Amino acid sequence: MTNHPKVDHCVEALCRHGCRAVRGYIAALQTGQELPEASRLDAQERILLQQELQAIMAVYEGANSSCPL
């Protein structure tokens, strides 16, 4: 987690939607699209959100891992 309560809450909310959705959220954040779940985050917090989601998804991109949802 990030030690930023708003960002951590958003990470948890987005991750509940599953891996495929999280990949879409990462792509949206990379292109500057607004996510309703992240509407209360400032620009720096959105960057932190994207970084945290990418770090989480990196776990599922390993050779022996698969996305459960």
PDB file of N, CA and C in Angstrom:
ATOM      1  N   MET A   1       0.831  -1.186   0.000  1.00  0.00           N
ATOM      2  CA  MET A   1       0.000   0.000   0.000  1.00  0.00           C
ATOM      3  C   MET A   1       0.876   1.251   0.000  1.00  0.00           C
ATOM      4  N   THR A   2       0.237   2.367  -0.209  1.00  0.00           N
ATOM      5  CA  THR A   2       0.980   3.597  -0.464  1.00  0.00           C
ATOM      6  C   THR A   2       1.160   4.498   0.757  1.00  0.00           C
ATOM      7  N   ASN A   3       0.477   4.221   1.846  1.00  0.00           N
ATOM      8  CA  ASN A   3       0.456   5.099   3.016  1.00  0.00           C
ATOM      9  C   ASN A   3      -0.247   6.420   2.726  1.00  0.00           C
ATOM     10  N   HIS A   4      -1.035   6.457   1.666  1.00  0.00           N
ATOM     11  CA  HIS A   4      -1.900   7.585   1.336  1.00  0.00           C
ATOM     12  C   HIS A   4      -3.331   7.041   1.369  1.00  0.00           C
ATOM     13  N   PRO A   5      -4.080   7.330   2.429  1.00  0.00           N
ATOM     14  CA  PRO A   5      -5.400   6.709   2.603  1.00  0.00           C
ATOM     15  C   PRO A   5      -6.333   6.839   1.403  1.00  0.00           C
ATOM     16  N   LYS A   6      -6.375   8.009   0.782  1.00  0.00           N
ATOM     17  CA  LYS A   6      -7.277   8.170  -0.370  1.00  0.00           C
ATOM     18  C   LYS A   6      -6.855   7.273  -1.524  1.00  0.00           C
ATOM     19  N   VAL A   7      -5.562   7.196  -1.768  1.00  0.00           N
ATOM     20  CA  VAL A   7      -5.049   6.359  -2.854  1.00  0.00           C
ATOM     21  C   VAL A   7      -5.278   4.886  -2.527  1.00  0.00           C
ATOM     22  N   ASP A   8      -4.980   4.495  -1.301  1.00  0.00           N
ATOM     23  CA  ASP A   8      -5.167   3.101  -0.903  1.00  0.00           C
ATOM     24  C   ASP A   8      -6.623   2.673  -1.023  1.00  0.00           C
ATOM     25  N   HIS A   9      -7.528   3.547  -0.630  1.00  0.00           N
ATOM     26  CA  HIS A   9      -8.960   3.244  -0.753  1.00  0.00           C
ATOM     27  C   HIS A   9      -9.339   3.046  -2.223  1.00  0.00           C
ATOM     28  N   CYS A  10      -8.820   3.902  -3.076  1.00  0.00           N
ATOM     29  CA  CYS A  10      -9.100   3.803  -4.505  1.00  0.00           C
ATOM     30  C   CYS A  10      -8.518   2.523  -5.092  1.00  0.00           C
ATOM     31  N   VAL A  11      -7.304   2.168  -4.700  1.00  0.00           N
ATOM     32  CA  VAL A  11      -6.678   0.924  -5.167  1.00  0.00           C
ATOM     33  C   VAL A  11      -7.562  -0.258  -4.803  1.00  0.00           C
ATOM     34  N   GLU A  12      -8.000  -0.311  -3.561  1.00  0.00           N
ATOM     35  CA  GLU A  12      -8.841  -1.416  -3.116  1.00  0.00           C
ATOM     36  C   GLU A  12     -10.145  -1.477  -3.902  1.00  0.00           C
ATOM     37  N   ALA A  13     -10.765  -0.329  -4.117  1.00  0.00           N
ATOM     38  CA  ALA A  13     -12.028  -0.286  -4.856  1.00  0.00           C
ATOM     39  C   ALA A  13     -11.850  -0.758  -6.295  1.00  0.00           C
ATOM     40  N   LEU A  14     -10.789  -0.313  -6.952  1.00  0.00           N
ATOM     41  CA  LEU A  14     -10.553  -0.695  -8.344  1.00  0.00           C
ATOM     42  C   LEU A  14     -10.181  -2.167  -8.466  1.00  0.00           C
ATOM     43  N   CYS A  15      -9.388  -2.669  -7.539  1.00  0.00           N
ATOM     44  CA  CYS A  15      -8.954  -4.064  -7.607  1.00  0.00           C
ATOM     45  C   CYS A  15     -10.107  -5.046  -7.403  1.00  0.00           C
ATOM     46  N   ARG A  16     -11.159  -4.612  -6.764  1.00  0.00           N
ATOM     47  CA  ARG A  16     -12.335  -5.481  -6.592  1.00  0.00           C
ATOM     48  C   ARG A  16     -12.969  -5.849  -7.934  1.00  0.00           C
ATOM     49  N   HIS A  17     -12.681  -5.078  -8.962  1.00  0.00           N
ATOM     50  CA  HIS A  17     -13.281  -5.314 -10.279  1.00  0.00           C
ATOM     51  C   HIS A  17     -12.549  -6.379 -11.082  1.00  0.00           C
ATOM     52  N   GLY A  18     -11.411  -6.843 -10.599  1.00  0.00           N
ATOM     53  CA  GLY A  18     -10.678  -7.909 -11.275  1.00  0.00           C
ATOM     54  C   GLY A  18      -9.545  -7.404 -12.146  1.00  0.00           C
ATOM     55  N   CYS A  19      -8.716  -8.350 -12.556  1.00  0.00           N
ATOM     56  CA  CYS A  19      -7.489  -8.035 -13.293  1.00  0.00           C
ATOM     57  C   CYS A  19      -7.741  -7.351 -14.635  1.00  0.00           C
ATOM     58  N   ARG A  20      -8.692  -7.859 -15.384  1.00  0.00           N
ATOM     59  CA  ARG A  20      -8.945  -7.259 -16.702  1.00  0.00           C
ATOM     60  C   ARG A  20      -9.351  -5.803 -16.567  1.00  0.00           C
ATOM     61  N   ALA A  21     -10.222  -5.534 -15.604  1.00  0.00           N
ATOM     62  CA  ALA A  21     -10.659  -4.158 -15.386  1.00  0.00           C
ATOM     63  C   ALA A  21      -9.490  -3.285 -14.940  1.00  0.00           C
ATOM     64  N   VAL A  22      -8.646  -3.808 -14.057  1.00  0.00           N
ATOM     65  CA  VAL A  22      -7.502  -3.028 -13.567  1.00  0.00           C
ATOM     66  C   VAL A  22      -6.567  -2.683 -14.714  1.00  0.00           C
ATOM     67  N   ARG A  23      -6.357  -3.618 -15.629  1.00  0.00           N
ATOM     68  CA  ARG A  23      -5.523  -3.289 -16.801  1.00  0.00           C
ATOM     69  C   ARG A  23      -6.131  -2.124 -17.588  1.00  0.00           C
ATOM     70  N   GLY A  24      -7.440  -2.109 -17.701  1.00  0.00           N
ATOM     71  CA  GLY A  24      -8.117  -0.997 -18.373  1.00  0.00           C
ATOM     72  C   GLY A  24      -7.963   0.305 -17.612  1.00  0.00           C
ATOM     73  N   TYR A  25      -8.024   0.241 -16.274  1.00  0.00           N
ATOM     74  CA  TYR A  25      -7.843   1.449 -15.468  1.00  0.00           C
ATOM     75  C   TYR A  25      -6.428   1.994 -15.634  1.00  0.00           C
ATOM     76  N   ILE A  26      -5.454   1.104 -15.681  1.00  0.00           N
ATOM     77  CA  ILE A  26      -4.067   1.541 -15.879  1.00  0.00           C
ATOM     78  C   ILE A  26      -3.937   2.236 -17.228  1.00  0.00           C
ATOM     79  N   ALA A  27      -4.497   1.643 -18.263  1.00  0.00           N
ATOM     80  CA  ALA A  27      -4.428   2.252 -19.598  1.00  0.00           C
ATOM     81  C   ALA A  27      -5.107   3.620 -19.601  1.00  0.00           C
ATOM     82  N   ALA A  28      -6.230   3.721 -18.930  1.00  0.00           N
ATOM     83  CA  ALA A  28      -6.942   4.999 -18.864  1.00  0.00           C
ATOM     84  C   ALA A  28      -6.102   6.051 -18.142  1.00  0.00           C
ATOM     85  N   LEU A  29      -5.501   5.670 -17.036  1.00  0.00           N
ATOM     86  CA  LEU A  29      -4.658   6.613 -16.298  1.00  0.00           C
ATOM     87  C   LEU A  29      -3.451   7.040 -17.114  1.00  0.00           C
ATOM     88  N   GLN A  30      -2.891   6.117 -17.882  1.00  0.00           N
ATOM     89  CA  GLN A  30      -1.721   6.444 -18.702  1.00  0.00           C
ATOM     90  C   GLN A  30      -2.050   7.472 -19.780  1.00  0.00           C
ATOM     91  N   THR A  31      -3.287   7.490 -20.235  1.00  0.00           N
ATOM     92  CA  THR A  31      -3.691   8.437 -21.280  1.00  0.00           C
ATOM     93  C   THR A  31      -4.388   9.671 -20.720  1.00  0.00           C
ATOM     94  N   GLY A  32      -4.399   9.783 -19.385  1.00  0.00           N
ATOM     95  CA  GLY A  32      -4.969  10.979 -18.768  1.00  0.00           C
ATOM     96  C   GLY A  32      -6.474  10.987 -18.635  1.00  0.00           C
ATOM     97  N   GLN A  33      -7.102   9.860 -18.869  1.00  0.00           N
ATOM     98  CA  GLN A  33      -8.556   9.788 -18.718  1.00  0.00           C
ATOM     99  C   GLN A  33      -8.931   9.839 -17.247  1.00  0.00           C
ATOM    100  N   GLU A  34     -10.091  10.392 -16.980  1.00  0.00           N
ATOM    101  CA  GLU A  34     -10.597  10.467 -15.617  1.00  0.00           C
ATOM    102  C   GLU A  34     -11.320   9.179 -15.262  1.00  0.00           C
ATOM    103  N   LEU A  35     -11.050   8.669 -14.084  1.00  0.00           N
ATOM    104  CA  LEU A  35     -11.781   7.527 -13.551  1.00  0.00           C
ATOM    105  C   LEU A  35     -12.714   8.055 -12.465  1.00  0.00           C
ATOM    106  N   PRO A  36     -13.989   7.694 -12.521  1.00  0.00           N
ATOM    107  CA  PRO A  36     -14.901   8.171 -11.475  1.00  0.00           C
ATOM    108  C   PRO A  36     -14.409   7.832 -10.069  1.00  0.00           C
ATOM    109  N   GLU A  37     -13.820   6.656  -9.910  1.00  0.00           N
ATOM    110  CA  GLU A  37     -13.329   6.235  -8.598  1.00  0.00           C
ATOM    111  C   GLU A  37     -12.160   7.085  -8.120  1.00  0.00           C
ATOM    112  N   ALA A  38     -11.485   7.746  -9.032  1.00  0.00           N
ATOM    113  CA  ALA A  38     -10.314   8.553  -8.689  1.00  0.00           C
ATOM    114  C   ALA A  38     -10.603  10.049  -8.754  1.00  0.00           C
ATOM    115  N   SER A  39     -11.855  10.409  -8.807  1.00  0.00           N
ATOM    116  CA  SER A  39     -12.213  11.816  -8.997  1.00  0.00           C
ATOM    117  C   SER A  39     -11.766  12.712  -7.843  1.00  0.00           C
ATOM    118  N   ARG A  40     -11.568  12.153  -6.672  1.00  0.00           N
ATOM    119  CA  ARG A  40     -11.152  12.955  -5.516  1.00  0.00           C
ATOM    120  C   ARG A  40      -9.641  13.008  -5.346  1.00  0.00           C
ATOM    121  N   LEU A  41      -8.918  12.395  -6.261  1.00  0.00           N
ATOM    122  CA  LEU A  41      -7.459  12.394  -6.184  1.00  0.00           C
ATOM    123  C   LEU A  41      -6.891  13.547  -6.998  1.00  0.00           C
ATOM    124  N   ASP A  42      -5.817  14.141  -6.495  1.00  0.00           N
ATOM    125  CA  ASP A  42      -5.140  15.177  -7.280  1.00  0.00           C
ATOM    126  C   ASP A  42      -4.187  14.512  -8.270  1.00  0.00           C
ATOM    127  N   ALA A  43      -3.501  15.300  -9.059  1.00  0.00           N
ATOM    128  CA  ALA A  43      -2.641  14.761 -10.122  1.00  0.00           C
ATOM    129  C   ALA A  43      -1.554  13.848  -9.562  1.00  0.00           C
ATOM    130  N   GLN A  44      -0.914  14.248  -8.480  1.00  0.00           N
ATOM    131  CA  GLN A  44       0.148  13.429  -7.880  1.00  0.00           C
ATOM    132  C   GLN A  44      -0.416  12.114  -7.335  1.00  0.00           C
ATOM    133  N   GLU A  45      -1.590  12.184  -6.752  1.00  0.00           N
ATOM    134  CA  GLU A  45      -2.215  10.969  -6.216  1.00  0.00           C
ATOM    135  C   GLU A  45      -2.623  10.023  -7.339  1.00  0.00           C
ATOM    136  N   ARG A  46      -3.055  10.565  -8.479  1.00  0.00           N
ATOM    137  CA  ARG A  46      -3.394   9.712  -9.625  1.00  0.00           C
ATOM    138  C   ARG A  46      -2.147   9.011 -10.167  1.00  0.00           C
ATOM    139  N   ILE A  47      -1.019   9.702 -10.153  1.00  0.00           N
ATOM    140  CA  ILE A  47       0.239   9.069 -10.565  1.00  0.00           C
ATOM    141  C   ILE A  47       0.576   7.935  -9.602  1.00  0.00           C
ATOM    142  N   LEU A  48       0.442   8.184  -8.335  1.00  0.00           N
ATOM    143  CA  LEU A  48       0.706   7.163  -7.323  1.00  0.00           C
ATOM    144  C   LEU A  48      -0.259   5.993  -7.484  1.00  0.00           C
ATOM    145  N   LEU A  49      -1.521   6.276  -7.775  1.00  0.00           N
ATOM    146  CA  LEU A  49      -2.514   5.237  -8.029  1.00  0.00           C
ATOM    147  C   LEU A  49      -2.082   4.364  -9.202  1.00  0.00           C
ATOM    148  N   GLN A  50      -1.689   4.985 -10.289  1.00  0.00           N
ATOM    149  CA  GLN A  50      -1.246   4.236 -11.470  1.00  0.00           C
ATOM    150  C   GLN A  50      -0.038   3.367 -11.130  1.00  0.00           C
ATOM    151  N   GLN A  51       0.919   3.911 -10.421  1.00  0.00           N
ATOM    152  CA  GLN A  51       2.113   3.155 -10.059  1.00  0.00           C
ATOM    153  C   GLN A  51       1.764   1.960  -9.185  1.00  0.00           C
ATOM    154  N   GLU A  52       0.873   2.157  -8.241  1.00  0.00           N
ATOM    155  CA  GLU A  52       0.487   1.066  -7.342  1.00  0.00           C
ATOM    156  C   GLU A  52      -0.263  -0.026  -8.103  1.00  0.00           C
ATOM    157  N   LEU A  53      -1.165   0.366  -8.986  1.00  0.00           N
ATOM    158  CA  LEU A  53      -1.882  -0.633  -9.786  1.00  0.00           C
ATOM    159  C   LEU A  53      -0.918  -1.413 -10.668  1.00  0.00           C
ATOM    160  N   GLN A  54       0.053  -0.727 -11.256  1.00  0.00           N
ATOM    161  CA  GLN A  54       1.037  -1.409 -12.094  1.00  0.00           C
ATOM    162  C   GLN A  54       1.872  -2.384 -11.269  1.00  0.00           C
ATOM    163  N   ALA A  55       2.235  -1.994 -10.059  1.00  0.00           N
ATOM    164  CA  ALA A  55       3.021  -2.881  -9.194  1.00  0.00           C
ATOM    165  C   ALA A  55       2.203  -4.117  -8.824  1.00  0.00           C
ATOM    166  N   ILE A  56       0.940  -3.931  -8.543  1.00  0.00           N
ATOM    167  CA  ILE A  56       0.075  -5.066  -8.217  1.00  0.00           C
ATOM    168  C   ILE A  56      -0.058  -5.996  -9.411  1.00  0.00           C
ATOM    169  N   MET A  57      -0.273  -5.443 -10.586  1.00  0.00           N
ATOM    170  CA  MET A  57      -0.476  -6.268 -11.774  1.00  0.00           C
ATOM    171  C   MET A  57       0.812  -6.975 -12.192  1.00  0.00           C
ATOM    172  N   ALA A  58       1.957  -6.436 -11.840  1.00  0.00           N
ATOM    173  CA  ALA A  58       3.229  -7.081 -12.170  1.00  0.00           C
ATOM    174  C   ALA A  58       3.315  -8.465 -11.542  1.00  0.00           C
ATOM    175  N   VAL A  59       2.675  -8.642 -10.410  1.00  0.00           N
ATOM    176  CA  VAL A  59       2.654  -9.948  -9.741  1.00  0.00           C
ATOM    177  C   VAL A  59       1.979 -10.983 -10.636  1.00  0.00           C
ATOM    178  N   TYR A  60       0.937 -10.568 -11.353  1.00  0.00           N
ATOM    179  CA  TYR A  60       0.173 -11.487 -12.186  1.00  0.00           C
ATOM    180  C   TYR A  60       0.793 -11.698 -13.564  1.00  0.00           C
ATOM    181  N   GLU A  61       1.829 -10.961 -13.885  1.00  0.00           N
ATOM    182  CA  GLU A  61       2.462 -11.096 -15.188  1.00  0.00           C
ATOM    183  C   GLU A  61       3.676 -12.019 -15.148  1.00  0.00           C
ATOM    184  N   GLY A  62       3.958 -12.597 -13.985  1.00  0.00           N
ATOM    185  CA  GLY A  62       5.067 -13.530 -13.856  1.00  0.00           C
ATOM    186  C   GLY A  62       4.782 -14.811 -14.615  1.00  0.00           C
ATOM    187  N   ALA A  63       5.802 -15.577 -14.881  1.00  0.00           N
ATOM    188  CA  ALA A  63       5.699 -16.794 -15.682  1.00  0.00           C
ATOM    189  C   ALA A  63       4.756 -17.827 -15.058  1.00  0.00           C
ATOM    190  N   ASN A  64       4.700 -17.904 -13.746  1.00  0.00           N
ATOM    191  CA  ASN A  64       3.893 -18.935 -13.090  1.00  0.00           C
ATOM    192  C   ASN A  64       2.598 -18.378 -12.511  1.00  0.00           C
ATOM    193  N   SER A  65       2.242 -17.177 -12.846  1.00  0.00           N
ATOM    194  CA  SER A  65       1.039 -16.566 -12.305  1.00  0.00           C
ATOM    195  C   SER A  65       0.007 -16.351 -13.391  1.00  0.00           C
ATOM    196  N   SER A  66      -1.216 -16.360 -12.968  1.00  0.00           N
ATOM    197  CA  SER A  66      -2.293 -16.025 -13.893  1.00  0.00           C
ATOM    198  C   SER A  66      -3.282 -15.130 -13.182  1.00  0.00           C
ATOM    199  N   CYS A  67      -3.969 -14.371 -13.938  1.00  0.00           N
ATOM    200  CA  CYS A  67      -4.944 -13.448 -13.394  1.00  0.00           C
ATOM    201  C   CYS A  67      -6.190 -14.252 -12.981  1.00  0.00           C
ATOM    202  N   PRO A  68      -6.562 -14.179 -11.715  1.00  0.00           N
ATOM    203  CA  PRO A  68      -7.705 -14.969 -11.272  1.00  0.00           C
ATOM    204  C   PRO A  68      -9.045 -14.462 -11.801  1.00  0.00           C
ATOM    205  N   LEU A  69      -9.132 -13.227 -12.178  1.00  0.00           N
ATOM    206  CA  LEU A  69     -10.392 -12.683 -12.693  1.00  0.00           C
ATOM    207  C   LEU A  69     -10.145 -11.858 -13.924  1.00  0.00           C
TER     208      LEU A  69
END
